[in-house]
């Protein structure tokens, strides 16, 4: 199985893709999502979130939920892809700062 891309990739002008490997279940992700999105209108379709505002489009895709053991403790693992289209670098960075503030946990 190929390893997922983890990091940032510029795809084209004003388009970028970022993938995080997160220790989070889908249910916990979707419980936190409304706070992350704030006033940005969005729709959820299964494991995909889409938001459109003016000329900016954001898509968030969740991989199937996996598991990783930390010693005897099983932890959920989800790869979360964020694709920004039409966002300036500053706008994308502002959203990512908000996203990271809501999802960041102890340990980095």
PDB file of N, CA and C in Angstrom:
ATOM      1  N   UNK A   1       0.845  -1.174   0.000  1.00  0.00           N
ATOM      2  CA  UNK A   1       0.000   0.000   0.000  1.00  0.00           C
ATOM      3  C   UNK A   1       0.888   1.234   0.000  1.00  0.00           C
ATOM      4  N   UNK A   2       0.591   2.204  -0.838  1.00  0.00           N
ATOM      5  CA  UNK A   2       1.376   3.430  -0.911  1.00  0.00           C
ATOM      6  C   UNK A   2       1.134   4.288   0.321  1.00  0.00           C
ATOM      7  N   UNK A   3       2.178   4.957   0.753  1.00  0.00           N
ATOM      8  CA  UNK A   3       2.057   5.864   1.883  1.00  0.00           C
ATOM      9  C   UNK A   3       1.353   7.134   1.424  1.00  0.00           C
ATOM     10  N   UNK A   4       0.467   7.699   2.239  1.00  0.00           N
ATOM     11  CA  UNK A   4      -0.201   8.939   1.859  1.00  0.00           C
ATOM     12  C   UNK A   4       0.784  10.094   1.906  1.00  0.00           C
ATOM     13  N   UNK A   5       0.518  11.101   1.089  1.00  0.00           N
ATOM     14  CA  UNK A   5       1.302  12.325   1.135  1.00  0.00           C
ATOM     15  C   UNK A   5       0.948  13.048   2.421  1.00  0.00           C
ATOM     16  N   UNK A   6       1.944  13.400   3.181  1.00  0.00           N
ATOM     17  CA  UNK A   6       1.713  14.142   4.416  1.00  0.00           C
ATOM     18  C   UNK A   6       2.501  15.436   4.317  1.00  0.00           C
ATOM     19  N   UNK A   7       1.817  16.524   4.182  1.00  0.00           N
ATOM     20  CA  UNK A   7       2.494  17.806   4.074  1.00  0.00           C
ATOM     21  C   UNK A   7       1.721  18.727   3.159  1.00  0.00           C
ATOM     22  N   UNK A   8       2.452  19.622   2.528  1.00  0.00           N
ATOM     23  CA  UNK A   8       1.820  20.659   1.722  1.00  0.00           C
ATOM     24  C   UNK A   8       2.307  20.530   0.285  1.00  0.00           C
ATOM     25  N   UNK A   9       1.412  20.721  -0.660  1.00  0.00           N
ATOM     26  CA  UNK A   9       1.792  20.713  -2.070  1.00  0.00           C
ATOM     27  C   UNK A   9       1.058  21.832  -2.787  1.00  0.00           C
ATOM     28  N   UNK A  10       1.797  22.658  -3.486  1.00  0.00           N
ATOM     29  CA  UNK A  10       1.166  23.664  -4.332  1.00  0.00           C
ATOM     30  C   UNK A  10       0.783  22.968  -5.628  1.00  0.00           C
ATOM     31  N   UNK A  11      -0.486  22.997  -5.967  1.00  0.00           N
ATOM     32  CA  UNK A  11      -0.974  22.290  -7.144  1.00  0.00           C
ATOM     33  C   UNK A  11      -1.000  23.220  -8.351  1.00  0.00           C
ATOM     34  N   UNK A  12      -1.461  24.428  -8.180  1.00  0.00           N
ATOM     35  CA  UNK A  12      -1.517  25.429  -9.247  1.00  0.00           C
ATOM     36  C   UNK A  12      -1.675  26.787  -8.572  1.00  0.00           C
ATOM     37  N   UNK A  13      -1.758  27.839  -9.361  1.00  0.00           N
ATOM     38  CA  UNK A  13      -1.949  29.162  -8.775  1.00  0.00           C
ATOM     39  C   UNK A  13      -3.191  29.173  -7.894  1.00  0.00           C
ATOM     40  N   UNK A  14      -3.037  29.683  -6.691  1.00  0.00           N
ATOM     41  CA  UNK A  14      -4.135  29.805  -5.720  1.00  0.00           C
ATOM     42  C   UNK A  14      -4.798  28.471  -5.387  1.00  0.00           C
ATOM     43  N   UNK A  15      -4.105  27.370  -5.611  1.00  0.00           N
ATOM     44  CA  UNK A  15      -4.616  26.059  -5.243  1.00  0.00           C
ATOM     45  C   UNK A  15      -3.537  25.336  -4.455  1.00  0.00           C
ATOM     46  N   UNK A  16      -3.901  24.795  -3.328  1.00  0.00           N
ATOM     47  CA  UNK A  16      -2.930  24.003  -2.573  1.00  0.00           C
ATOM     48  C   UNK A  16      -3.648  22.860  -1.879  1.00  0.00           C
ATOM     49  N   UNK A  17      -2.871  21.853  -1.546  1.00  0.00           N
ATOM     50  CA  UNK A  17      -3.402  20.646  -0.916  1.00  0.00           C
ATOM     51  C   UNK A  17      -2.513  20.325   0.273  1.00  0.00           C
ATOM     52  N   UNK A  18      -3.139  20.021   1.382  1.00  0.00           N
ATOM     53  CA  UNK A  18      -2.421  19.679   2.603  1.00  0.00           C
ATOM     54  C   UNK A  18      -3.056  18.420   3.164  1.00  0.00           C
ATOM     55  N   UNK A  19      -2.227  17.479   3.600  1.00  0.00           N
ATOM     56  CA  UNK A  19      -2.737  16.246   4.191  1.00  0.00           C
ATOM     57  C   UNK A  19      -2.121  16.086   5.568  1.00  0.00           C
ATOM     58  N   UNK A  20      -2.986  15.865   6.543  1.00  0.00           N
ATOM     59  CA  UNK A  20      -2.556  15.605   7.910  1.00  0.00           C
ATOM     60  C   UNK A  20      -2.867  14.157   8.265  1.00  0.00           C
ATOM     61  N   UNK A  21      -1.981  13.533   9.006  1.00  0.00           N
ATOM     62  CA  UNK A  21      -2.293  12.264   9.650  1.00  0.00           C
ATOM     63  C   UNK A  21      -2.700  12.631  11.069  1.00  0.00           C
ATOM     64  N   UNK A  22      -3.961  12.391  11.392  1.00  0.00           N
ATOM     65  CA  UNK A  22      -4.490  12.839  12.677  1.00  0.00           C
ATOM     66  C   UNK A  22      -4.929  11.647  13.519  1.00  0.00           C
ATOM     67  N   UNK A  23      -4.668  11.744  14.800  1.00  0.00           N
ATOM     68  CA  UNK A  23      -5.131  10.733  15.750  1.00  0.00           C
ATOM     69  C   UNK A  23      -6.518  11.173  16.212  1.00  0.00           C
ATOM     70  N   UNK A  24      -7.507  10.852  15.378  1.00  0.00           N
ATOM     71  CA  UNK A  24      -8.872  11.297  15.637  1.00  0.00           C
ATOM     72  C   UNK A  24      -9.843  10.350  14.933  1.00  0.00           C
ATOM     73  N   UNK A  25     -10.990  10.121  15.557  1.00  0.00           N
ATOM     74  CA  UNK A  25     -12.041   9.327  14.919  1.00  0.00           C
ATOM     75  C   UNK A  25     -12.885  10.256  14.047  1.00  0.00           C
ATOM     76  N   UNK A  26     -13.623   9.672  13.123  1.00  0.00           N
ATOM     77  CA  UNK A  26     -14.506  10.479  12.293  1.00  0.00           C
ATOM     78  C   UNK A  26     -15.548  11.194  13.150  1.00  0.00           C
ATOM     79  N   UNK A  27     -16.110  10.493  14.127  1.00  0.00           N
ATOM     80  CA  UNK A  27     -17.156  11.122  14.947  1.00  0.00           C
ATOM     81  C   UNK A  27     -16.601  12.312  15.722  1.00  0.00           C
ATOM     82  N   UNK A  28     -15.394  12.197  16.237  1.00  0.00           N
ATOM     83  CA  UNK A  28     -14.793  13.323  16.957  1.00  0.00           C
ATOM     84  C   UNK A  28     -14.482  14.477  15.999  1.00  0.00           C
ATOM     85  N   UNK A  29     -14.005  14.155  14.796  1.00  0.00           N
ATOM     86  CA  UNK A  29     -13.727  15.193  13.799  1.00  0.00           C
ATOM     87  C   UNK A  29     -15.001  15.982  13.501  1.00  0.00           C
ATOM     88  N   UNK A  30     -16.103  15.272  13.239  1.00  0.00           N
ATOM     89  CA  UNK A  30     -17.339  15.950  12.870  1.00  0.00           C
ATOM     90  C   UNK A  30     -17.995  16.670  14.045  1.00  0.00           C
ATOM     91  N   UNK A  31     -17.698  16.266  15.277  1.00  0.00           N
ATOM     92  CA  UNK A  31     -18.171  17.023  16.447  1.00  0.00           C
ATOM     93  C   UNK A  31     -17.458  18.367  16.546  1.00  0.00           C
ATOM     94  N   UNK A  32     -16.183  18.410  16.172  1.00  0.00           N
ATOM     95  CA  UNK A  32     -15.379  19.627  16.281  1.00  0.00           C
ATOM     96  C   UNK A  32     -15.554  20.539  15.070  1.00  0.00           C
ATOM     97  N   UNK A  33     -15.948  19.991  13.941  1.00  0.00           N
ATOM     98  CA  UNK A  33     -16.008  20.728  12.680  1.00  0.00           C
ATOM     99  C   UNK A  33     -16.806  22.035  12.733  1.00  0.00           C
ATOM    100  N   UNK A  34     -18.000  22.100  13.332  1.00  0.00           N
ATOM    101  CA  UNK A  34     -18.734  23.369  13.324  1.00  0.00           C
ATOM    102  C   UNK A  34     -17.938  24.526  13.934  1.00  0.00           C
ATOM    103  N   UNK A  35     -17.204  24.270  14.989  1.00  0.00           N
ATOM    104  CA  UNK A  35     -16.392  25.330  15.598  1.00  0.00           C
ATOM    105  C   UNK A  35     -15.266  25.748  14.661  1.00  0.00           C
ATOM    106  N   UNK A  36     -14.673  24.786  13.975  1.00  0.00           N
ATOM    107  CA  UNK A  36     -13.582  25.081  13.040  1.00  0.00           C
ATOM    108  C   UNK A  36     -14.087  25.946  11.891  1.00  0.00           C
ATOM    109  N   UNK A  37     -15.239  25.611  11.349  1.00  0.00           N
ATOM    110  CA  UNK A  37     -15.758  26.309  10.177  1.00  0.00           C
ATOM    111  C   UNK A  37     -16.305  27.691  10.520  1.00  0.00           C
ATOM    112  N   UNK A  38     -16.704  27.907  11.768  1.00  0.00           N
ATOM    113  CA  UNK A  38     -17.205  29.222  12.159  1.00  0.00           C
ATOM    114  C   UNK A  38     -18.381  29.631  11.293  1.00  0.00           C
ATOM    115  N   UNK A  39     -18.303  30.828  10.697  1.00  0.00           N
ATOM    116  CA  UNK A  39     -19.391  31.358   9.876  1.00  0.00           C
ATOM    117  C   UNK A  39     -19.323  30.893   8.426  1.00  0.00           C
ATOM    118  N   UNK A  40     -18.292  30.140   8.068  1.00  0.00           N
ATOM    119  CA  UNK A  40     -18.148  29.658   6.692  1.00  0.00           C
ATOM    120  C   UNK A  40     -19.205  28.587   6.413  1.00  0.00           C
ATOM    121  N   UNK A  41     -20.105  28.810   5.451  1.00  0.00           N
ATOM    122  CA  UNK A  41     -21.126  27.798   5.149  1.00  0.00           C
ATOM    123  C   UNK A  41     -20.475  26.562   4.526  1.00  0.00           C
ATOM    124  N   UNK A  42     -20.956  25.383   4.939  1.00  0.00           N
ATOM    125  CA  UNK A  42     -20.363  24.140   4.441  1.00  0.00           C
ATOM    126  C   UNK A  42     -21.415  23.044   4.377  1.00  0.00           C
ATOM    127  N   UNK A  43     -21.076  21.995   3.636  1.00  0.00           N
ATOM    128  CA  UNK A  43     -21.947  20.824   3.516  1.00  0.00           C
ATOM    129  C   UNK A  43     -21.104  19.584   3.742  1.00  0.00           C
ATOM    130  N   UNK A  44     -21.728  18.567   4.342  1.00  0.00           N
ATOM    131  CA  UNK A  44     -21.060  17.290   4.592  1.00  0.00           C
ATOM    132  C   UNK A  44     -21.755  16.225   3.761  1.00  0.00           C
ATOM    133  N   UNK A  45     -20.957  15.449   3.042  1.00  0.00           N
ATOM    134  CA  UNK A  45     -21.469  14.322   2.267  1.00  0.00           C
ATOM    135  C   UNK A  45     -20.579  13.127   2.587  1.00  0.00           C
ATOM    136  N   UNK A  46     -21.020  12.300   3.512  1.00  0.00           N
ATOM    137  CA  UNK A  46     -20.215  11.156   3.942  1.00  0.00           C
ATOM    138  C   UNK A  46     -18.949  11.624   4.632  1.00  0.00           C
ATOM    139  N   UNK A  47     -17.803  11.318   4.044  1.00  0.00           N
ATOM    140  CA  UNK A  47     -16.528  11.713   4.645  1.00  0.00           C
ATOM    141  C   UNK A  47     -15.922  12.918   3.933  1.00  0.00           C
ATOM    142  N   UNK A  48     -16.735  13.660   3.184  1.00  0.00           N
ATOM    143  CA  UNK A  48     -16.264  14.846   2.471  1.00  0.00           C
ATOM    144  C   UNK A  48     -17.001  16.087   2.951  1.00  0.00           C
ATOM    145  N   UNK A  49     -16.241  17.140   3.161  1.00  0.00           N
ATOM    146  CA  UNK A  49     -16.789  18.439   3.547  1.00  0.00           C
ATOM    147  C   UNK A  49     -16.464  19.404   2.422  1.00  0.00           C
ATOM    148  N   UNK A  50     -17.434  20.206   2.011  1.00  0.00           N
ATOM    149  CA  UNK A  50     -17.163  21.215   0.989  1.00  0.00           C
ATOM    150  C   UNK A  50     -17.733  22.548   1.447  1.00  0.00           C
ATOM    151  N   UNK A  51     -16.985  23.596   1.133  1.00  0.00           N
ATOM    152  CA  UNK A  51     -17.399  24.951   1.480  1.00  0.00           C
ATOM    153  C   UNK A  51     -17.076  25.859   0.304  1.00  0.00           C
ATOM    154  N   UNK A  52     -18.013  26.724  -0.035  1.00  0.00           N
ATOM    155  CA  UNK A  52     -17.811  27.689  -1.114  1.00  0.00           C
ATOM    156  C   UNK A  52     -18.222  29.046  -0.586  1.00  0.00           C
ATOM    157  N   UNK A  53     -17.327  30.015  -0.775  1.00  0.00           N
ATOM    158  CA  UNK A  53     -17.640  31.388  -0.394  1.00  0.00           C
ATOM    159  C   UNK A  53     -16.982  32.301  -1.415  1.00  0.00           C
ATOM    160  N   UNK A  54     -17.796  33.061  -2.120  1.00  0.00           N
ATOM    161  CA  UNK A  54     -17.321  33.915  -3.207  1.00  0.00           C
ATOM    162  C   UNK A  54     -16.585  33.046  -4.227  1.00  0.00           C
ATOM    163  N   UNK A  55     -15.331  33.325  -4.502  1.00  0.00           N
ATOM    164  CA  UNK A  55     -14.574  32.544  -5.486  1.00  0.00           C
ATOM    165  C   UNK A  55     -13.691  31.490  -4.835  1.00  0.00           C
ATOM    166  N   UNK A  56     -13.829  31.301  -3.534  1.00  0.00           N
ATOM    167  CA  UNK A  56     -12.989  30.340  -2.803  1.00  0.00           C
ATOM    168  C   UNK A  56     -13.749  29.039  -2.568  1.00  0.00           C
ATOM    169  N   UNK A  57     -13.045  27.923  -2.800  1.00  0.00           N
ATOM    170  CA  UNK A  57     -13.622  26.598  -2.543  1.00  0.00           C
ATOM    171  C   UNK A  57     -12.674  25.823  -1.643  1.00  0.00           C
ATOM    172  N   UNK A  58     -13.249  25.173  -0.648  1.00  0.00           N
ATOM    173  CA  UNK A  58     -12.484  24.328   0.267  1.00  0.00           C
ATOM    174  C   UNK A  58     -13.114  22.948   0.264  1.00  0.00           C
ATOM    175  N   UNK A  59     -12.285  21.932   0.101  1.00  0.00           N
ATOM    176  CA  UNK A  59     -12.755  20.545   0.226  1.00  0.00           C
ATOM    177  C   UNK A  59     -11.908  19.871   1.281  1.00  0.00           C
ATOM    178  N   UNK A  60     -12.573  19.148   2.160  1.00  0.00           N
ATOM    179  CA  UNK A  60     -11.894  18.364   3.186  1.00  0.00           C
ATOM    180  C   UNK A  60     -12.343  16.923   3.006  1.00  0.00           C
ATOM    181  N   UNK A  61     -11.393  16.027   2.813  1.00  0.00           N
ATOM    182  CA  UNK A  61     -11.689  14.600   2.649  1.00  0.00           C
ATOM    183  C   UNK A  61     -11.043  13.813   3.770  1.00  0.00           C
ATOM    184  N   UNK A  62     -11.803  12.902   4.360  1.00  0.00           N
ATOM    185  CA  UNK A  62     -11.284  12.025   5.405  1.00  0.00           C
ATOM    186  C   UNK A  62     -11.079  10.631   4.833  1.00  0.00           C
ATOM    187  N   UNK A  63      -9.925  10.042   5.131  1.00  0.00           N
ATOM    188  CA  UNK A  63      -9.657   8.662   4.726  1.00  0.00           C
ATOM    189  C   UNK A  63     -10.508   7.731   5.585  1.00  0.00           C
ATOM    190  N   UNK A  64     -10.603   6.471   5.203  1.00  0.00           N
ATOM    191  CA  UNK A  64     -11.232   5.518   6.121  1.00  0.00           C
ATOM    192  C   UNK A  64     -10.477   5.543   7.452  1.00  0.00           C
ATOM    193  N   UNK A  65     -11.212   5.390   8.524  1.00  0.00           N
ATOM    194  CA  UNK A  65     -10.605   5.426   9.859  1.00  0.00           C
ATOM    195  C   UNK A  65      -9.775   4.169  10.089  1.00  0.00           C
ATOM    196  N   UNK A  66      -8.550   4.373  10.496  1.00  0.00           N
ATOM    197  CA  UNK A  66      -7.664   3.259  10.811  1.00  0.00           C
ATOM    198  C   UNK A  66      -7.397   3.193  12.304  1.00  0.00           C
ATOM    199  N   UNK A  67      -6.512   2.309  12.687  1.00  0.00           N
ATOM    200  CA  UNK A  67      -6.126   2.145  14.095  1.00  0.00           C
ATOM    201  C   UNK A  67      -4.619   2.009  14.184  1.00  0.00           C
ATOM    202  N   UNK A  68      -4.062   2.536  15.246  1.00  0.00           N
ATOM    203  CA  UNK A  68      -2.648   2.369  15.558  1.00  0.00           C
ATOM    204  C   UNK A  68      -2.564   2.105  17.052  1.00  0.00           C
ATOM    205  N   UNK A  69      -1.724   1.176  17.414  1.00  0.00           N
ATOM    206  CA  UNK A  69      -1.551   0.866  18.832  1.00  0.00           C
ATOM    207  C   UNK A  69      -0.403   1.675  19.407  1.00  0.00           C
ATOM    208  N   UNK A  70      -0.654   2.278  20.539  1.00  0.00           N
ATOM    209  CA  UNK A  70       0.359   2.974  21.322  1.00  0.00           C
ATOM    210  C   UNK A  70       0.524   2.135  22.577  1.00  0.00           C
ATOM    211  N   UNK A  71       1.423   1.163  22.488  1.00  0.00           N
ATOM    212  CA  UNK A  71       1.501   0.160  23.547  1.00  0.00           C
ATOM    213  C   UNK A  71       0.201  -0.619  23.540  1.00  0.00           C
ATOM    214  N   UNK A  72      -0.442  -0.747  24.702  1.00  0.00           N
ATOM    215  CA  UNK A  72      -1.703  -1.491  24.750  1.00  0.00           C
ATOM    216  C   UNK A  72      -2.928  -0.641  24.377  1.00  0.00           C
ATOM    217  N   UNK A  73      -2.700   0.627  24.034  1.00  0.00           N
ATOM    218  CA  UNK A  73      -3.817   1.543  23.781  1.00  0.00           C
ATOM    219  C   UNK A  73      -4.044   1.699  22.276  1.00  0.00           C
ATOM    220  N   UNK A  74      -5.223   1.285  21.769  1.00  0.00           N
ATOM    221  CA  UNK A  74      -5.518   1.504  20.354  1.00  0.00           C
ATOM    222  C   UNK A  74      -5.983   2.950  20.130  1.00  0.00           C
ATOM    223  N   UNK A  75      -5.446   3.582  19.102  1.00  0.00           N
ATOM    224  CA  UNK A  75      -5.807   4.961  18.779  1.00  0.00           C
ATOM    225  C   UNK A  75      -6.380   5.030  17.367  1.00  0.00           C
ATOM    226  N   UNK A  76      -7.405   5.871  17.151  1.00  0.00           N
ATOM    227  CA  UNK A  76      -7.917   6.051  15.796  1.00  0.00           C
ATOM    228  C   UNK A  76      -6.920   6.884  14.982  1.00  0.00           C
ATOM    229  N   UNK A  77      -6.828   6.597  13.693  1.00  0.00           N
ATOM    230  CA  UNK A  77      -5.966   7.366  12.792  1.00  0.00           C
ATOM    231  C   UNK A  77      -6.763   7.688  11.535  1.00  0.00           C
ATOM    232  N   UNK A  78      -6.777   8.964  11.167  1.00  0.00           N
ATOM    233  CA  UNK A  78      -7.466   9.412   9.964  1.00  0.00           C
ATOM    234  C   UNK A  78      -6.555  10.365   9.203  1.00  0.00           C
ATOM    235  N   UNK A  79      -6.423  10.153   7.896  1.00  0.00           N
ATOM    236  CA  UNK A  79      -5.713  11.109   7.053  1.00  0.00           C
ATOM    237  C   UNK A  79      -6.743  12.126   6.576  1.00  0.00           C
ATOM    238  N   UNK A  80      -6.454  13.396   6.812  1.00  0.00           N
ATOM    239  CA  UNK A  80      -7.372  14.475   6.481  1.00  0.00           C
ATOM    240  C   UNK A  80      -6.723  15.341   5.409  1.00  0.00           C
ATOM    241  N   UNK A  81      -7.353  15.407   4.244  1.00  0.00           N
ATOM    242  CA  UNK A  81      -6.845  16.216   3.135  1.00  0.00           C
ATOM    243  C   UNK A  81      -7.660  17.493   3.022  1.00  0.00           C
ATOM    244  N   UNK A  82      -6.975  18.619   2.997  1.00  0.00           N
ATOM    245  CA  UNK A  82      -7.609  19.916   2.795  1.00  0.00           C
ATOM    246  C   UNK A  82      -7.141  20.448   1.452  1.00  0.00           C
ATOM    247  N   UNK A  83      -8.069  20.774   0.567  1.00  0.00           N
ATOM    248  CA  UNK A  83      -7.743  21.315  -0.754  1.00  0.00           C
ATOM    249  C   UNK A  83      -8.347  22.709  -0.859  1.00  0.00           C
ATOM    250  N   UNK A  84      -7.491  23.692  -1.043  1.00  0.00           N
ATOM    251  CA  UNK A  84      -7.895  25.090  -1.149  1.00  0.00           C
ATOM    252  C   UNK A  84      -7.834  25.508  -2.607  1.00  0.00           C
ATOM    253  N   UNK A  85      -8.914  26.081  -3.113  1.00  0.00           N
ATOM    254  CA  UNK A  85      -8.949  26.566  -4.493  1.00  0.00           C
ATOM    255  C   UNK A  85      -9.443  28.009  -4.465  1.00  0.00           C
ATOM    256  N   UNK A  86      -8.650  28.912  -5.021  1.00  0.00           N
ATOM    257  CA  UNK A  86      -9.041  30.315  -5.066  1.00  0.00           C
ATOM    258  C   UNK A  86      -8.653  31.101  -3.830  1.00  0.00           C
ATOM    259  N   UNK A  87      -8.053  30.453  -2.853  1.00  0.00           N
ATOM    260  CA  UNK A  87      -7.619  31.129  -1.633  1.00  0.00           C
ATOM    261  C   UNK A  87      -6.255  31.772  -1.863  1.00  0.00           C
ATOM    262  N   UNK A  88      -6.069  32.972  -1.353  1.00  0.00           N
ATOM    263  CA  UNK A  88      -4.724  33.549  -1.335  1.00  0.00           C
ATOM    264  C   UNK A  88      -3.922  32.789  -0.284  1.00  0.00           C
ATOM    265  N   UNK A  89      -2.601  32.835  -0.351  1.00  0.00           N
ATOM    266  CA  UNK A  89      -1.806  32.164   0.688  1.00  0.00           C
ATOM    267  C   UNK A  89      -2.170  32.632   2.098  1.00  0.00           C
ATOM    268  N   UNK A  90      -2.469  33.906   2.243  1.00  0.00           N
ATOM    269  CA  UNK A  90      -2.831  34.443   3.563  1.00  0.00           C
ATOM    270  C   UNK A  90      -4.177  33.900   4.039  1.00  0.00           C
ATOM    271  N   UNK A  91      -5.143  33.792   3.131  1.00  0.00           N
ATOM    272  CA  UNK A  91      -6.457  33.251   3.498  1.00  0.00           C
ATOM    273  C   UNK A  91      -6.352  31.781   3.885  1.00  0.00           C
ATOM    274  N   UNK A  92      -5.604  31.015   3.107  1.00  0.00           N
ATOM    275  CA  UNK A  92      -5.426  29.595   3.426  1.00  0.00           C
ATOM    276  C   UNK A  92      -4.709  29.443   4.756  1.00  0.00           C
ATOM    277  N   UNK A  93      -3.679  30.253   4.994  1.00  0.00           N
ATOM    278  CA  UNK A  93      -2.935  30.177   6.251  1.00  0.00           C
ATOM    279  C   UNK A  93      -3.821  30.536   7.438  1.00  0.00           C
ATOM    280  N   UNK A  94      -4.694  31.516   7.271  1.00  0.00           N
ATOM    281  CA  UNK A  94      -5.607  31.895   8.357  1.00  0.00           C
ATOM    282  C   UNK A  94      -6.552  30.740   8.689  1.00  0.00           C
ATOM    283  N   UNK A  95      -7.084  30.062   7.654  1.00  0.00           N
ATOM    284  CA  UNK A  95      -7.956  28.923   7.923  1.00  0.00           C
ATOM    285  C   UNK A  95      -7.182  27.806   8.603  1.00  0.00           C
ATOM    286  N   UNK A  96      -5.972  27.519   8.121  1.00  0.00           N
ATOM    287  CA  UNK A  96      -5.166  26.451   8.719  1.00  0.00           C
ATOM    288  C   UNK A  96      -4.819  26.753  10.169  1.00  0.00           C
ATOM    289  N   UNK A  97      -4.574  28.008  10.489  1.00  0.00           N
ATOM    290  CA  UNK A  97      -4.287  28.370  11.880  1.00  0.00           C
ATOM    291  C   UNK A  97      -5.499  28.057  12.751  1.00  0.00           C
ATOM    292  N   UNK A  98      -6.689  28.386  12.271  1.00  0.00           N
ATOM    293  CA  UNK A  98      -7.919  28.082  13.017  1.00  0.00           C
ATOM    294  C   UNK A  98      -8.107  26.571  13.134  1.00  0.00           C
ATOM    295  N   UNK A  99      -7.937  25.851  12.026  1.00  0.00           N
ATOM    296  CA  UNK A  99      -8.060  24.395  12.003  1.00  0.00           C
ATOM    297  C   UNK A  99      -7.112  23.773  13.027  1.00  0.00           C
ATOM    298  N   UNK A 100      -5.860  24.181  12.980  1.00  0.00           N
ATOM    299  CA  UNK A 100      -4.860  23.628  13.896  1.00  0.00           C
ATOM    300  C   UNK A 100      -5.159  23.971  15.348  1.00  0.00           C
ATOM    301  N   UNK A 101      -5.652  25.164  15.614  1.00  0.00           N
ATOM    302  CA  UNK A 101      -5.982  25.534  16.997  1.00  0.00           C
ATOM    303  C   UNK A 101      -7.080  24.649  17.573  1.00  0.00           C
ATOM    304  N   UNK A 102      -8.054  24.283  16.761  1.00  0.00           N
ATOM    305  CA  UNK A 102      -9.146  23.442  17.260  1.00  0.00           C
ATOM    306  C   UNK A 102      -8.762  21.971  17.354  1.00  0.00           C
ATOM    307  N   UNK A 103      -7.881  21.509  16.480  1.00  0.00           N
ATOM    308  CA  UNK A 103      -7.555  20.086  16.470  1.00  0.00           C
ATOM    309  C   UNK A 103      -6.241  19.736  17.147  1.00  0.00           C
ATOM    310  N   UNK A 104      -5.433  20.720  17.473  1.00  0.00           N
ATOM    311  CA  UNK A 104      -4.125  20.433  18.087  1.00  0.00           C
ATOM    312  C   UNK A 104      -4.318  19.803  19.457  1.00  0.00           C
ATOM    313  N   UNK A 105      -3.442  18.853  19.730  1.00  0.00           N
ATOM    314  CA  UNK A 105      -3.465  18.175  21.030  1.00  0.00           C
ATOM    315  C   UNK A 105      -2.078  18.241  21.627  1.00  0.00           C
ATOM    316  N   UNK A 106      -1.984  17.920  22.879  1.00  0.00           N
ATOM    317  CA  UNK A 106      -0.678  17.892  23.539  1.00  0.00           C
ATOM    318  C   UNK A 106       0.270  16.950  22.823  1.00  0.00           C
ATOM    319  N   UNK A 107       1.547  17.278  22.837  1.00  0.00           N
ATOM    320  CA  UNK A 107       2.545  16.429  22.205  1.00  0.00           C
ATOM    321  C   UNK A 107       2.959  16.913  20.838  1.00  0.00           C
ATOM    322  N   UNK A 108       2.369  18.010  20.362  1.00  0.00           N
ATOM    323  CA  UNK A 108       2.823  18.571  19.084  1.00  0.00           C
ATOM    324  C   UNK A 108       1.980  18.191  18.002  1.00  0.00           C
TER     325      UNK A 108
END
